[in-house]
Amino acid sequence: MSINIVTLIGRVGTDPDMKYFESGSVKCKLTLAVNRRTKDREQTDWFNLELWGKTAQVAGDYVRKGRQIAVKGSLKFDTWSDRATGANRSTPVILVDQLQLLGSKRDADEADVDMNPENF
């Protein structure tokens, strides 16, 4: 038996990056900031999210930077070969099956925290 389930609640760090394919498929990429408590302080972890189909379209229509969301999905690794060195590279991605919008629209509009991953 194997289990690959990821559940996260956090704030969206970027507006949705939407891609529409000729086949009719829709793909959305987001980043999600999730706070993790350590012994002495809170630390922010950043996750790359990938959404497809109706879930992607909902994200494109309703999710914006700063919005609190909950996601459920599975962990996968995107792999590629580095052009400069030829080394194999990979990055973890959460493949989202379920998206839940949390908080109110007002909460999303008033989010004044700069959620850019480069600032951490």
PDB file of N, CA and C in Angstrom:
ATOM      1  N   MET A   1       0.839  -1.173   0.000  1.00  0.00           N
ATOM      2  CA  MET A   1       0.000   0.000   0.000  1.00  0.00           C
ATOM      3  C   MET A   1       0.890   1.244   0.000  1.00  0.00           C
ATOM      4  N   SER A   2       0.469   2.275  -0.729  1.00  0.00           N
ATOM      5  CA  SER A   2       1.185   3.547  -0.702  1.00  0.00           C
ATOM      6  C   SER A   2       0.181   4.686  -0.636  1.00  0.00           C
ATOM      7  N   ILE A   3       0.589   5.757   0.015  1.00  0.00           N
ATOM      8  CA  ILE A   3      -0.278   6.922   0.180  1.00  0.00           C
ATOM      9  C   ILE A   3       0.513   8.163  -0.211  1.00  0.00           C
ATOM     10  N   ASN A   4      -0.089   9.004  -1.038  1.00  0.00           N
ATOM     11  CA  ASN A   4       0.523  10.265  -1.439  1.00  0.00           C
ATOM     12  C   ASN A   4      -0.575  11.325  -1.403  1.00  0.00           C
ATOM     13  N   ILE A   5      -0.802  11.886  -0.220  1.00  0.00           N
ATOM     14  CA  ILE A   5      -1.840  12.894  -0.030  1.00  0.00           C
ATOM     15  C   ILE A   5      -1.210  14.102   0.665  1.00  0.00           C
ATOM     16  N   VAL A   6      -1.454  15.272   0.096  1.00  0.00           N
ATOM     17  CA  VAL A   6      -0.957  16.515   0.674  1.00  0.00           C
ATOM     18  C   VAL A   6      -2.153  17.433   0.907  1.00  0.00           C
ATOM     19  N   THR A   7      -2.258  17.972   2.115  1.00  0.00           N
ATOM     20  CA  THR A   7      -3.297  18.946   2.442  1.00  0.00           C
ATOM     21  C   THR A   7      -2.604  20.174   3.016  1.00  0.00           C
ATOM     22  N   LEU A   8      -2.892  21.329   2.420  1.00  0.00           N
ATOM     23  CA  LEU A   8      -2.251  22.568   2.850  1.00  0.00           C
ATOM     24  C   LEU A   8      -3.276  23.690   2.962  1.00  0.00           C
ATOM     25  N   ILE A   9      -3.070  24.572   3.924  1.00  0.00           N
ATOM     26  CA  ILE A   9      -3.838  25.814   4.038  1.00  0.00           C
ATOM     27  C   ILE A   9      -2.821  26.936   4.125  1.00  0.00           C
ATOM     28  N   GLY A  10      -2.998  27.932   3.270  1.00  0.00           N
ATOM     29  CA  GLY A  10      -2.067  29.050   3.283  1.00  0.00           C
ATOM     30  C   GLY A  10      -2.585  30.189   2.437  1.00  0.00           C
ATOM     31  N   ARG A  11      -1.697  31.140   2.173  1.00  0.00           N
ATOM     32  CA  ARG A  11      -2.043  32.303   1.352  1.00  0.00           C
ATOM     33  C   ARG A  11      -1.315  32.233   0.020  1.00  0.00           C
ATOM     34  N   VAL A  12      -2.044  32.608  -1.018  1.00  0.00           N
ATOM     35  CA  VAL A  12      -1.515  32.559  -2.380  1.00  0.00           C
ATOM     36  C   VAL A  12      -0.464  33.658  -2.544  1.00  0.00           C
ATOM     37  N   GLY A  13       0.679  33.278  -3.116  1.00  0.00           N
ATOM     38  CA  GLY A  13       1.794  34.214  -3.265  1.00  0.00           C
ATOM     39  C   GLY A  13       1.849  34.927  -4.600  1.00  0.00           C
ATOM     40  N   THR A  14       1.146  34.418  -5.608  1.00  0.00           N
ATOM     41  CA  THR A  14       1.149  35.027  -6.933  1.00  0.00           C
ATOM     42  C   THR A  14      -0.245  34.914  -7.531  1.00  0.00           C
ATOM     43  N   ASP A  15      -0.568  35.826  -8.423  1.00  0.00           N
ATOM     44  CA  ASP A  15      -1.812  35.672  -9.171  1.00  0.00           C
ATOM     45  C   ASP A  15      -1.690  34.426 -10.040  1.00  0.00           C
ATOM     46  N   PRO A  16      -2.804  33.803 -10.382  1.00  0.00           N
ATOM     47  CA  PRO A  16      -2.754  32.568 -11.178  1.00  0.00           C
ATOM     48  C   PRO A  16      -2.051  32.765 -12.522  1.00  0.00           C
ATOM     49  N   ASP A  17      -1.218  31.786 -12.866  1.00  0.00           N
ATOM     50  CA  ASP A  17      -0.563  31.745 -14.177  1.00  0.00           C
ATOM     51  C   ASP A  17      -1.333  30.713 -14.993  1.00  0.00           C
ATOM     52  N   MET A  18      -2.199  31.212 -15.880  1.00  0.00           N
ATOM     53  CA  MET A  18      -3.103  30.343 -16.632  1.00  0.00           C
ATOM     54  C   MET A  18      -2.514  30.003 -17.992  1.00  0.00           C
ATOM     55  N   LYS A  19      -2.743  28.745 -18.412  1.00  0.00           N
ATOM     56  CA  LYS A  19      -2.331  28.309 -19.745  1.00  0.00           C
ATOM     57  C   LYS A  19      -3.477  27.508 -20.351  1.00  0.00           C
ATOM     58  N   TYR A  20      -3.882  27.919 -21.545  1.00  0.00           N
ATOM     59  CA  TYR A  20      -4.977  27.256 -22.251  1.00  0.00           C
ATOM     60  C   TYR A  20      -4.393  26.504 -23.436  1.00  0.00           C
ATOM     61  N   PHE A  21      -4.776  25.250 -23.585  1.00  0.00           N
ATOM     62  CA  PHE A  21      -4.250  24.398 -24.646  1.00  0.00           C
ATOM     63  C   PHE A  21      -5.280  24.233 -25.756  1.00  0.00           C
ATOM     64  N   GLU A  22      -4.799  23.971 -26.964  1.00  0.00           N
ATOM     65  CA  GLU A  22      -5.685  23.778 -28.116  1.00  0.00           C
ATOM     66  C   GLU A  22      -6.662  22.634 -27.889  1.00  0.00           C
ATOM     67  N   SER A  23      -6.267  21.669 -27.086  1.00  0.00           N
ATOM     68  CA  SER A  23      -7.129  20.521 -26.794  1.00  0.00           C
ATOM     69  C   SER A  23      -8.331  20.908 -25.926  1.00  0.00           C
ATOM     70  N   GLY A  24      -8.295  22.119 -25.355  1.00  0.00           N
ATOM     71  CA  GLY A  24      -9.357  22.553 -24.455  1.00  0.00           C
ATOM     72  C   GLY A  24      -8.981  22.448 -22.983  1.00  0.00           C
ATOM     73  N   SER A  25      -7.840  21.834 -22.695  1.00  0.00           N
ATOM     74  CA  SER A  25      -7.379  21.711 -21.312  1.00  0.00           C
ATOM     75  C   SER A  25      -6.933  23.066 -20.779  1.00  0.00           C
ATOM     76  N   VAL A  26      -7.061  23.213 -19.463  1.00  0.00           N
ATOM     77  CA  VAL A  26      -6.636  24.428 -18.780  1.00  0.00           C
ATOM     78  C   VAL A  26      -5.690  24.037 -17.656  1.00  0.00           C
ATOM     79  N   LYS A  27      -4.588  24.776 -17.536  1.00  0.00           N
ATOM     80  CA  LYS A  27      -3.611  24.535 -16.470  1.00  0.00           C
ATOM     81  C   LYS A  27      -3.370  25.843 -15.731  1.00  0.00           C
ATOM     82  N   CYS A  28      -3.267  25.757 -14.421  1.00  0.00           N
ATOM     83  CA  CYS A  28      -3.012  26.923 -13.588  1.00  0.00           C
ATOM     84  C   CYS A  28      -1.841  26.615 -12.661  1.00  0.00           C
ATOM     85  N   LYS A  29      -0.932  27.572 -12.547  1.00  0.00           N
ATOM     86  CA  LYS A  29       0.167  27.457 -11.589  1.00  0.00           C
ATOM     87  C   LYS A  29       0.037  28.573 -10.567  1.00  0.00           C
ATOM     88  N   LEU A  30       0.274  28.220  -9.298  1.00  0.00           N
ATOM     89  CA  LEU A  30       0.232  29.158  -8.181  1.00  0.00           C
ATOM     90  C   LEU A  30       1.374  28.846  -7.229  1.00  0.00           C
ATOM     91  N   THR A  31       1.701  29.808  -6.379  1.00  0.00           N
ATOM     92  CA  THR A  31       2.565  29.522  -5.240  1.00  0.00           C
ATOM     93  C   THR A  31       1.729  29.720  -3.979  1.00  0.00           C
ATOM     94  N   LEU A  32       2.052  28.958  -2.952  1.00  0.00           N
ATOM     95  CA  LEU A  32       1.299  29.000  -1.706  1.00  0.00           C
ATOM     96  C   LEU A  32       2.264  29.121  -0.537  1.00  0.00           C
ATOM     97  N   ALA A  33       2.042  30.128   0.313  1.00  0.00           N
ATOM     98  CA  ALA A  33       2.835  30.325   1.523  1.00  0.00           C
ATOM     99  C   ALA A  33       2.110  29.679   2.694  1.00  0.00           C
ATOM    100  N   VAL A  34       2.801  28.777   3.382  1.00  0.00           N
ATOM    101  CA  VAL A  34       2.226  28.070   4.528  1.00  0.00           C
ATOM    102  C   VAL A  34       3.162  28.254   5.714  1.00  0.00           C
ATOM    103  N   ASN A  35       2.620  28.730   6.825  1.00  0.00           N
ATOM    104  CA  ASN A  35       3.439  28.930   8.019  1.00  0.00           C
ATOM    105  C   ASN A  35       3.607  27.615   8.770  1.00  0.00           C
ATOM    106  N   ARG A  36       4.841  27.370   9.193  1.00  0.00           N
ATOM    107  CA  ARG A  36       5.185  26.177   9.970  1.00  0.00           C
ATOM    108  C   ARG A  36       5.780  26.648  11.281  1.00  0.00           C
ATOM    109  N   ARG A  37       5.240  26.139  12.364  1.00  0.00           N
ATOM    110  CA  ARG A  37       5.756  26.528  13.680  1.00  0.00           C
ATOM    111  C   ARG A  37       6.961  25.671  14.030  1.00  0.00           C
ATOM    112  N   THR A  38       8.021  26.339  14.444  1.00  0.00           N
ATOM    113  CA  THR A  38       9.175  25.644  14.993  1.00  0.00           C
ATOM    114  C   THR A  38       9.176  25.923  16.495  1.00  0.00           C
ATOM    115  N   LYS A  39      10.178  25.451  17.161  1.00  0.00           N
ATOM    116  CA  LYS A  39      10.213  25.595  18.613  1.00  0.00           C
ATOM    117  C   LYS A  39      10.186  27.064  19.045  1.00  0.00           C
ATOM    118  N   ASP A  40      10.911  27.913  18.334  1.00  0.00           N
ATOM    119  CA  ASP A  40      11.052  29.299  18.763  1.00  0.00           C
ATOM    120  C   ASP A  40      10.264  30.313  17.943  1.00  0.00           C
ATOM    121  N   ARG A  41       9.862  29.937  16.715  1.00  0.00           N
ATOM    122  CA  ARG A  41       9.245  30.930  15.843  1.00  0.00           C
ATOM    123  C   ARG A  41       8.431  30.255  14.753  1.00  0.00           C
ATOM    124  N   GLU A  42       7.802  31.093  13.927  1.00  0.00           N
ATOM    125  CA  GLU A  42       7.091  30.602  12.752  1.00  0.00           C
ATOM    126  C   GLU A  42       7.974  30.796  11.522  1.00  0.00           C
ATOM    127  N   GLN A  43       7.936  29.838  10.640  1.00  0.00           N
ATOM    128  CA  GLN A  43       8.706  29.929   9.402  1.00  0.00           C
ATOM    129  C   GLN A  43       7.754  29.694   8.234  1.00  0.00           C
ATOM    130  N   THR A  44       7.958  30.449   7.152  1.00  0.00           N
ATOM    131  CA  THR A  44       7.105  30.311   5.979  1.00  0.00           C
ATOM    132  C   THR A  44       7.736  29.355   4.983  1.00  0.00           C
ATOM    133  N   ASP A  45       6.967  28.355   4.563  1.00  0.00           N
ATOM    134  CA  ASP A  45       7.380  27.436   3.507  1.00  0.00           C
ATOM    135  C   ASP A  45       6.590  27.787   2.258  1.00  0.00           C
ATOM    136  N   TRP A  46       7.234  27.718   1.092  1.00  0.00           N
ATOM    137  CA  TRP A  46       6.596  28.028  -0.187  1.00  0.00           C
ATOM    138  C   TRP A  46       6.412  26.757  -0.992  1.00  0.00           C
ATOM    139  N   PHE A  47       5.220  26.584  -1.545  1.00  0.00           N
ATOM    140  CA  PHE A  47       4.894  25.412  -2.340  1.00  0.00           C
ATOM    141  C   PHE A  47       4.440  25.845  -3.730  1.00  0.00           C
ATOM    142  N   ASN A  48       4.875  25.111  -4.744  1.00  0.00           N
ATOM    143  CA  ASN A  48       4.393  25.312  -6.103  1.00  0.00           C
ATOM    144  C   ASN A  48       3.178  24.421  -6.303  1.00  0.00           C
ATOM    145  N   LEU A  49       2.088  25.011  -6.804  1.00  0.00           N
ATOM    146  CA  LEU A  49       0.854  24.272  -7.035  1.00  0.00           C
ATOM    147  C   LEU A  49       0.573  24.192  -8.526  1.00  0.00           C
ATOM    148  N   GLU A  50       0.011  23.066  -8.941  1.00  0.00           N
ATOM    149  CA  GLU A  50      -0.422  22.875 -10.329  1.00  0.00           C
ATOM    150  C   GLU A  50      -1.852  22.363 -10.304  1.00  0.00           C
ATOM    151  N   LEU A  51      -2.729  23.067 -11.017  1.00  0.00           N
ATOM    152  CA  LEU A  51      -4.143  22.713 -11.065  1.00  0.00           C
ATOM    153  C   LEU A  51      -4.545  22.533 -12.514  1.00  0.00           C
ATOM    154  N   TRP A  52      -5.487  21.618 -12.782  1.00  0.00           N
ATOM    155  CA  TRP A  52      -5.942  21.324 -14.137  1.00  0.00           C
ATOM    156  C   TRP A  52      -7.465  21.357 -14.209  1.00  0.00           C
ATOM    157  N   GLY A  53      -7.985  21.564 -15.399  1.00  0.00           N
ATOM    158  CA  GLY A  53      -9.415  21.457 -15.666  1.00  0.00           C
ATOM    159  C   GLY A  53     -10.261  22.485 -14.947  1.00  0.00           C
ATOM    160  N   LYS A  54     -11.412  22.020 -14.427  1.00  0.00           N
ATOM    161  CA  LYS A  54     -12.352  22.918 -13.749  1.00  0.00           C
ATOM    162  C   LYS A  54     -11.719  23.559 -12.519  1.00  0.00           C
ATOM    163  N   THR A  55     -10.896  22.804 -11.812  1.00  0.00           N
ATOM    164  CA  THR A  55     -10.230  23.347 -10.628  1.00  0.00           C
ATOM    165  C   THR A  55      -9.323  24.511 -11.022  1.00  0.00           C
ATOM    166  N   ALA A  56      -8.614  24.361 -12.134  1.00  0.00           N
ATOM    167  CA  ALA A  56      -7.755  25.440 -12.634  1.00  0.00           C
ATOM    168  C   ALA A  56      -8.583  26.655 -13.021  1.00  0.00           C
ATOM    169  N   GLN A  57      -9.719  26.425 -13.651  1.00  0.00           N
ATOM    170  CA  GLN A  57     -10.563  27.539 -14.083  1.00  0.00           C
ATOM    171  C   GLN A  57     -11.128  28.302 -12.893  1.00  0.00           C
ATOM    172  N   VAL A  58     -11.526  27.578 -11.843  1.00  0.00           N
ATOM    173  CA  VAL A  58     -12.017  28.232 -10.620  1.00  0.00           C
ATOM    174  C   VAL A  58     -10.905  29.093 -10.021  1.00  0.00           C
ATOM    175  N   ALA A  59      -9.690  28.557  -9.976  1.00  0.00           N
ATOM    176  CA  ALA A  59      -8.564  29.327  -9.448  1.00  0.00           C
ATOM    177  C   ALA A  59      -8.337  30.581 -10.282  1.00  0.00           C
ATOM    178  N   GLY A  60      -8.393  30.437 -11.595  1.00  0.00           N
ATOM    179  CA  GLY A  60      -8.200  31.592 -12.469  1.00  0.00           C
ATOM    180  C   GLY A  60      -9.256  32.656 -12.282  1.00  0.00           C
ATOM    181  N   ASP A  61     -10.475  32.239 -11.992  1.00  0.00           N
ATOM    182  CA  ASP A  61     -11.589  33.177 -11.847  1.00  0.00           C
ATOM    183  C   ASP A  61     -11.648  33.840 -10.465  1.00  0.00           C
ATOM    184  N   TYR A  62     -11.257  33.122  -9.404  1.00  0.00           N
ATOM    185  CA  TYR A  62     -11.521  33.603  -8.051  1.00  0.00           C
ATOM    186  C   TYR A  62     -10.308  33.784  -7.150  1.00  0.00           C
ATOM    187  N   VAL A  63      -9.169  33.226  -7.500  1.00  0.00           N
ATOM    188  CA  VAL A  63      -8.003  33.279  -6.620  1.00  0.00           C
ATOM    189  C   VAL A  63      -7.079  34.420  -7.058  1.00  0.00           C
ATOM    190  N   ARG A  64      -6.626  35.190  -6.087  1.00  0.00           N
ATOM    191  CA  ARG A  64      -5.672  36.256  -6.327  1.00  0.00           C
ATOM    192  C   ARG A  64      -4.614  36.231  -5.229  1.00  0.00           C
ATOM    193  N   LYS A  65      -3.511  36.887  -5.489  1.00  0.00           N
ATOM    194  CA  LYS A  65      -2.427  36.989  -4.524  1.00  0.00           C
ATOM    195  C   LYS A  65      -2.980  37.461  -3.182  1.00  0.00           C
ATOM    196  N   GLY A  66      -2.594  36.778  -2.104  1.00  0.00           N
ATOM    197  CA  GLY A  66      -3.028  37.131  -0.760  1.00  0.00           C
ATOM    198  C   GLY A  66      -4.242  36.369  -0.267  1.00  0.00           C
ATOM    199  N   ARG A  67      -4.974  35.715  -1.166  1.00  0.00           N
ATOM    200  CA  ARG A  67      -6.182  34.975  -0.800  1.00  0.00           C
ATOM    201  C   ARG A  67      -5.816  33.718  -0.017  1.00  0.00           C
ATOM    202  N   GLN A  68      -6.557  33.434   1.038  1.00  0.00           N
ATOM    203  CA  GLN A  68      -6.336  32.209   1.797  1.00  0.00           C
ATOM    204  C   GLN A  68      -7.120  31.079   1.142  1.00  0.00           C
ATOM    205  N   ILE A  69      -6.431  29.959   0.901  1.00  0.00           N
ATOM    206  CA  ILE A  69      -7.054  28.796   0.285  1.00  0.00           C
ATOM    207  C   ILE A  69      -6.609  27.521   0.995  1.00  0.00           C
ATOM    208  N   ALA A  70      -7.387  26.477   0.799  1.00  0.00           N
ATOM    209  CA  ALA A  70      -7.016  25.133   1.238  1.00  0.00           C
ATOM    210  C   ALA A  70      -6.943  24.276  -0.017  1.00  0.00           C
ATOM    211  N   VAL A  71      -5.926  23.420  -0.090  1.00  0.00           N
ATOM    212  CA  VAL A  71      -5.785  22.523  -1.232  1.00  0.00           C
ATOM    213  C   VAL A  71      -5.521  21.106  -0.743  1.00  0.00           C
ATOM    214  N   LYS A  72      -5.971  20.169  -1.553  1.00  0.00           N
ATOM    215  CA  LYS A  72      -5.698  18.762  -1.297  1.00  0.00           C
ATOM    216  C   LYS A  72      -5.257  18.154  -2.622  1.00  0.00           C
ATOM    217  N   GLY A  73      -4.200  17.379  -2.586  1.00  0.00           N
ATOM    218  CA  GLY A  73      -3.684  16.778  -3.807  1.00  0.00           C
ATOM    219  C   GLY A  73      -2.577  15.797  -3.506  1.00  0.00           C
ATOM    220  N   SER A  74      -1.652  15.678  -4.450  1.00  0.00           N
ATOM    221  CA  SER A  74      -0.546  14.743  -4.295  1.00  0.00           C
ATOM    222  C   SER A  74       0.768  15.426  -4.669  1.00  0.00           C
ATOM    223  N   LEU A  75       1.844  14.887  -4.127  1.00  0.00           N
ATOM    224  CA  LEU A  75       3.177  15.406  -4.391  1.00  0.00           C
ATOM    225  C   LEU A  75       3.751  14.724  -5.621  1.00  0.00           C
ATOM    226  N   LYS A  76       4.300  15.536  -6.535  1.00  0.00           N
ATOM    227  CA  LYS A  76       5.011  14.997  -7.688  1.00  0.00           C
ATOM    228  C   LYS A  76       6.292  15.791  -7.852  1.00  0.00           C
ATOM    229  N   PHE A  77       7.185  15.312  -8.674  1.00  0.00           N
ATOM    230  CA  PHE A  77       8.425  16.016  -8.948  1.00  0.00           C
ATOM    231  C   PHE A  77       8.535  16.290 -10.435  1.00  0.00           C
ATOM    232  N   ASP A  78       8.698  17.576 -10.797  1.00  0.00           N
ATOM    233  CA  ASP A  78       9.004  17.933 -12.175  1.00  0.00           C
ATOM    234  C   ASP A  78      10.507  17.793 -12.350  1.00  0.00           C
ATOM    235  N   THR A  79      10.923  17.108 -13.388  1.00  0.00           N
ATOM    236  CA  THR A  79      12.350  16.892 -13.628  1.00  0.00           C
ATOM    237  C   THR A  79      12.739  17.432 -15.001  1.00  0.00           C
ATOM    238  N   TRP A  80      13.983  17.877 -15.109  1.00  0.00           N
ATOM    239  CA  TRP A  80      14.527  18.374 -16.372  1.00  0.00           C
ATOM    240  C   TRP A  80      16.042  18.285 -16.332  1.00  0.00           C
ATOM    241  N   SER A  81      16.647  18.493 -17.477  1.00  0.00           N
ATOM    242  CA  SER A  81      18.096  18.491 -17.599  1.00  0.00           C
ATOM    243  C   SER A  81      18.565  19.936 -17.709  1.00  0.00           C
ATOM    244  N   ASP A  82      19.485  20.338 -16.841  1.00  0.00           N
ATOM    245  CA  ASP A  82      20.015  21.695 -16.847  1.00  0.00           C
ATOM    246  C   ASP A  82      20.757  21.954 -18.158  1.00  0.00           C
ATOM    247  N   ARG A  83      20.391  23.009 -18.857  1.00  0.00           N
ATOM    248  CA  ARG A  83      20.989  23.316 -20.160  1.00  0.00           C
ATOM    249  C   ARG A  83      22.477  23.625 -20.050  1.00  0.00           C
ATOM    250  N   ALA A  84      22.862  24.314 -18.994  1.00  0.00           N
ATOM    251  CA  ALA A  84      24.261  24.732 -18.857  1.00  0.00           C
ATOM    252  C   ALA A  84      25.175  23.584 -18.442  1.00  0.00           C
ATOM    253  N   THR A  85      24.726  22.778 -17.489  1.00  0.00           N
ATOM    254  CA  THR A  85      25.600  21.736 -16.946  1.00  0.00           C
ATOM    255  C   THR A  85      25.223  20.326 -17.391  1.00  0.00           C
ATOM    256  N   GLY A  86      24.015  20.151 -17.883  1.00  0.00           N
ATOM    257  CA  GLY A  86      23.552  18.818 -18.253  1.00  0.00           C
ATOM    258  C   GLY A  86      23.099  17.986 -17.064  1.00  0.00           C
ATOM    259  N   ALA A  87      23.186  18.563 -15.859  1.00  0.00           N
ATOM    260  CA  ALA A  87      22.793  17.840 -14.646  1.00  0.00           C
ATOM    261  C   ALA A  87      21.275  17.692 -14.585  1.00  0.00           C
ATOM    262  N   ASN A  88      20.839  16.584 -14.004  1.00  0.00           N
ATOM    263  CA  ASN A  88      19.406  16.378 -13.796  1.00  0.00           C
ATOM    264  C   ASN A  88      18.948  17.218 -12.617  1.00  0.00           C
ATOM    265  N   ARG A  89      17.836  17.909 -12.796  1.00  0.00           N
ATOM    266  CA  ARG A  89      17.263  18.759 -11.758  1.00  0.00           C
ATOM    267  C   ARG A  89      15.825  18.335 -11.507  1.00  0.00           C
ATOM    268  N   SER A  90      15.319  18.669 -10.321  1.00  0.00           N
ATOM    269  CA  SER A  90      13.912  18.394 -10.025  1.00  0.00           C
ATOM    270  C   SER A  90      13.410  19.408  -9.015  1.00  0.00           C
ATOM    271  N   THR A  91      12.106  19.587  -9.018  1.00  0.00           N
ATOM    272  CA  THR A  91      11.463  20.464  -8.042  1.00  0.00           C
ATOM    273  C   THR A  91      10.131  19.840  -7.629  1.00  0.00           C
ATOM    274  N   PRO A  92       9.807  19.901  -6.347  1.00  0.00           N
ATOM    275  CA  PRO A  92       8.525  19.346  -5.898  1.00  0.00           C
ATOM    276  C   PRO A  92       7.365  20.250  -6.306  1.00  0.00           C
ATOM    277  N   VAL A  93       6.252  19.634  -6.683  1.00  0.00           N
ATOM    278  CA  VAL A  93       5.036  20.338  -7.083  1.00  0.00           C
ATOM    279  C   VAL A  93       3.851  19.605  -6.468  1.00  0.00           C
ATOM    280  N   ILE A  94       2.893  20.377  -5.963  1.00  0.00           N
ATOM    281  CA  ILE A  94       1.664  19.788  -5.455  1.00  0.00           C
ATOM    282  C   ILE A  94       0.651  19.792  -6.595  1.00  0.00           C
ATOM    283  N   LEU A  95       0.231  18.602  -7.012  1.00  0.00           N
ATOM    284  CA  LEU A  95      -0.788  18.449  -8.046  1.00  0.00           C
ATOM    285  C   LEU A  95      -2.143  18.474  -7.345  1.00  0.00           C
ATOM    286  N   VAL A  96      -2.854  19.593  -7.475  1.00  0.00           N
ATOM    287  CA  VAL A  96      -4.060  19.854  -6.691  1.00  0.00           C
ATOM    288  C   VAL A  96      -5.283  19.187  -7.322  1.00  0.00           C
ATOM    289  N   ASP A  97      -6.014  18.421  -6.503  1.00  0.00           N
ATOM    290  CA  ASP A  97      -7.278  17.802  -6.902  1.00  0.00           C
ATOM    291  C   ASP A  97      -8.469  18.615  -6.403  1.00  0.00           C
ATOM    292  N   GLN A  98      -8.314  19.183  -5.192  1.00  0.00           N
ATOM    293  CA  GLN A  98      -9.413  19.918  -4.573  1.00  0.00           C
ATOM    294  C   GLN A  98      -8.922  21.283  -4.109  1.00  0.00           C
ATOM    295  N   LEU A  99      -9.733  22.307  -4.368  1.00  0.00           N
ATOM    296  CA  LEU A  99      -9.428  23.680  -3.979  1.00  0.00           C
ATOM    297  C   LEU A  99     -10.607  24.228  -3.197  1.00  0.00           C
ATOM    298  N   GLN A 100     -10.313  24.839  -2.054  1.00  0.00           N
ATOM    299  CA  GLN A 100     -11.368  25.470  -1.264  1.00  0.00           C
ATOM    300  C   GLN A 100     -10.947  26.903  -0.978  1.00  0.00           C
ATOM    301  N   LEU A 101     -11.836  27.853  -1.302  1.00  0.00           N
ATOM    302  CA  LEU A 101     -11.587  29.255  -1.023  1.00  0.00           C
ATOM    303  C   LEU A 101     -11.950  29.526   0.424  1.00  0.00           C
ATOM    304  N   LEU A 102     -11.051  30.140   1.176  1.00  0.00           N
ATOM    305  CA  LEU A 102     -11.278  30.416   2.591  1.00  0.00           C
ATOM    306  C   LEU A 102     -11.338  31.919   2.826  1.00  0.00           C
ATOM    307  N   GLY A 103     -11.917  32.305   3.943  1.00  0.00           N
ATOM    308  CA  GLY A 103     -12.031  33.725   4.245  1.00  0.00           C
ATOM    309  C   GLY A 103     -13.053  34.376   3.334  1.00  0.00           C
ATOM    310  N   SER A 104     -13.171  35.675   3.471  1.00  0.00           N
ATOM    311  CA  SER A 104     -14.126  36.413   2.653  1.00  0.00           C
ATOM    312  C   SER A 104     -13.401  37.134   1.523  1.00  0.00           C
ATOM    313  N   LYS A 105     -14.162  37.644   0.571  1.00  0.00           N
ATOM    314  CA  LYS A 105     -13.569  38.423  -0.512  1.00  0.00           C
ATOM    315  C   LYS A 105     -12.872  39.644   0.081  1.00  0.00           C
ATOM    316  N   ARG A 106     -13.452  40.211   1.113  1.00  0.00           N
ATOM    317  CA  ARG A 106     -12.860  41.375   1.767  1.00  0.00           C
ATOM    318  C   ARG A 106     -11.483  41.021   2.334  1.00  0.00           C
ATOM    319  N   ASP A 107     -11.340  39.833   2.926  1.00  0.00           N
ATOM    320  CA  ASP A 107     -10.043  39.391   3.435  1.00  0.00           C
ATOM    321  C   ASP A 107      -9.015  39.375   2.320  1.00  0.00           C
ATOM    322  N   ALA A 108      -9.409  38.856   1.167  1.00  0.00           N
ATOM    323  CA  ALA A 108      -8.490  38.778   0.037  1.00  0.00           C
ATOM    324  C   ALA A 108      -8.115  40.164  -0.457  1.00  0.00           C
ATOM    325  N   ASP A 109      -9.087  41.077  -0.506  1.00  0.00           N
ATOM    326  CA  ASP A 109      -8.826  42.433  -0.978  1.00  0.00           C
ATOM    327  C   ASP A 109      -7.944  43.224  -0.020  1.00  0.00           C
ATOM    328  N   GLU A 110      -8.054  42.915   1.280  1.00  0.00           N
ATOM    329  CA  GLU A 110      -7.306  43.668   2.280  1.00  0.00           C
ATOM    330  C   GLU A 110      -5.970  43.032   2.641  1.00  0.00           C
ATOM    331  N   ALA A 111      -5.605  41.936   2.007  1.00  0.00           N
ATOM    332  CA  ALA A 111      -4.326  41.288   2.318  1.00  0.00           C
ATOM    333  C   ALA A 111      -3.202  42.258   1.986  1.00  0.00           C
ATOM    334  N   ASP A 112      -2.517  42.733   3.027  1.00  0.00           N
ATOM    335  CA  ASP A 112      -1.481  43.733   2.802  1.00  0.00           C
ATOM    336  C   ASP A 112      -0.088  43.153   2.997  1.00  0.00           C
ATOM    337  N   VAL A 113       0.004  41.854   3.169  1.00  0.00           N
ATOM    338  CA  VAL A 113       1.289  41.198   3.343  1.00  0.00           C
ATOM    339  C   VAL A 113       1.894  40.948   1.969  1.00  0.00           C
ATOM    340  N   ASP A 114       3.162  41.329   1.786  1.00  0.00           N
ATOM    341  CA  ASP A 114       3.833  41.068   0.518  1.00  0.00           C
ATOM    342  C   ASP A 114       4.227  39.602   0.500  1.00  0.00           C
ATOM    343  N   MET A 115       3.527  38.796  -0.301  1.00  0.00           N
ATOM    344  CA  MET A 115       3.701  37.350  -0.302  1.00  0.00           C
ATOM    345  C   MET A 115       4.680  36.883  -1.382  1.00  0.00           C
ATOM    346  N   ASN A 116       5.560  37.748  -1.868  1.00  0.00           N
ATOM    347  CA  ASN A 116       6.511  37.374  -2.908  1.00  0.00           C
ATOM    348  C   ASN A 116       7.573  36.447  -2.315  1.00  0.00           C
ATOM    349  N   PRO A 117       7.755  35.237  -2.876  1.00  0.00           N
ATOM    350  CA  PRO A 117       8.726  34.286  -2.312  1.00  0.00           C
ATOM    351  C   PRO A 117      10.147  34.849  -2.268  1.00  0.00           C
ATOM    352  N   GLU A 118      10.487  35.789  -3.164  1.00  0.00           N
ATOM    353  CA  GLU A 118      11.841  36.335  -3.180  1.00  0.00           C
ATOM    354  C   GLU A 118      12.120  37.215  -1.977  1.00  0.00           C
ATOM    355  N   ASN A 119      11.083  37.634  -1.250  1.00  0.00           N
ATOM    356  CA  ASN A 119      11.265  38.499  -0.093  1.00  0.00           C
ATOM    357  C   ASN A 119      11.596  37.717   1.170  1.00  0.00           C
ATOM    358  N   PHE A 120      11.583  36.403   1.105  1.00  0.00           N
ATOM    359  CA  PHE A 120      11.856  35.606   2.310  1.00  0.00           C
ATOM    360  C   PHE A 120      13.185  34.945   2.225  1.00  0.00           C
TER     361      PHE A 120
END
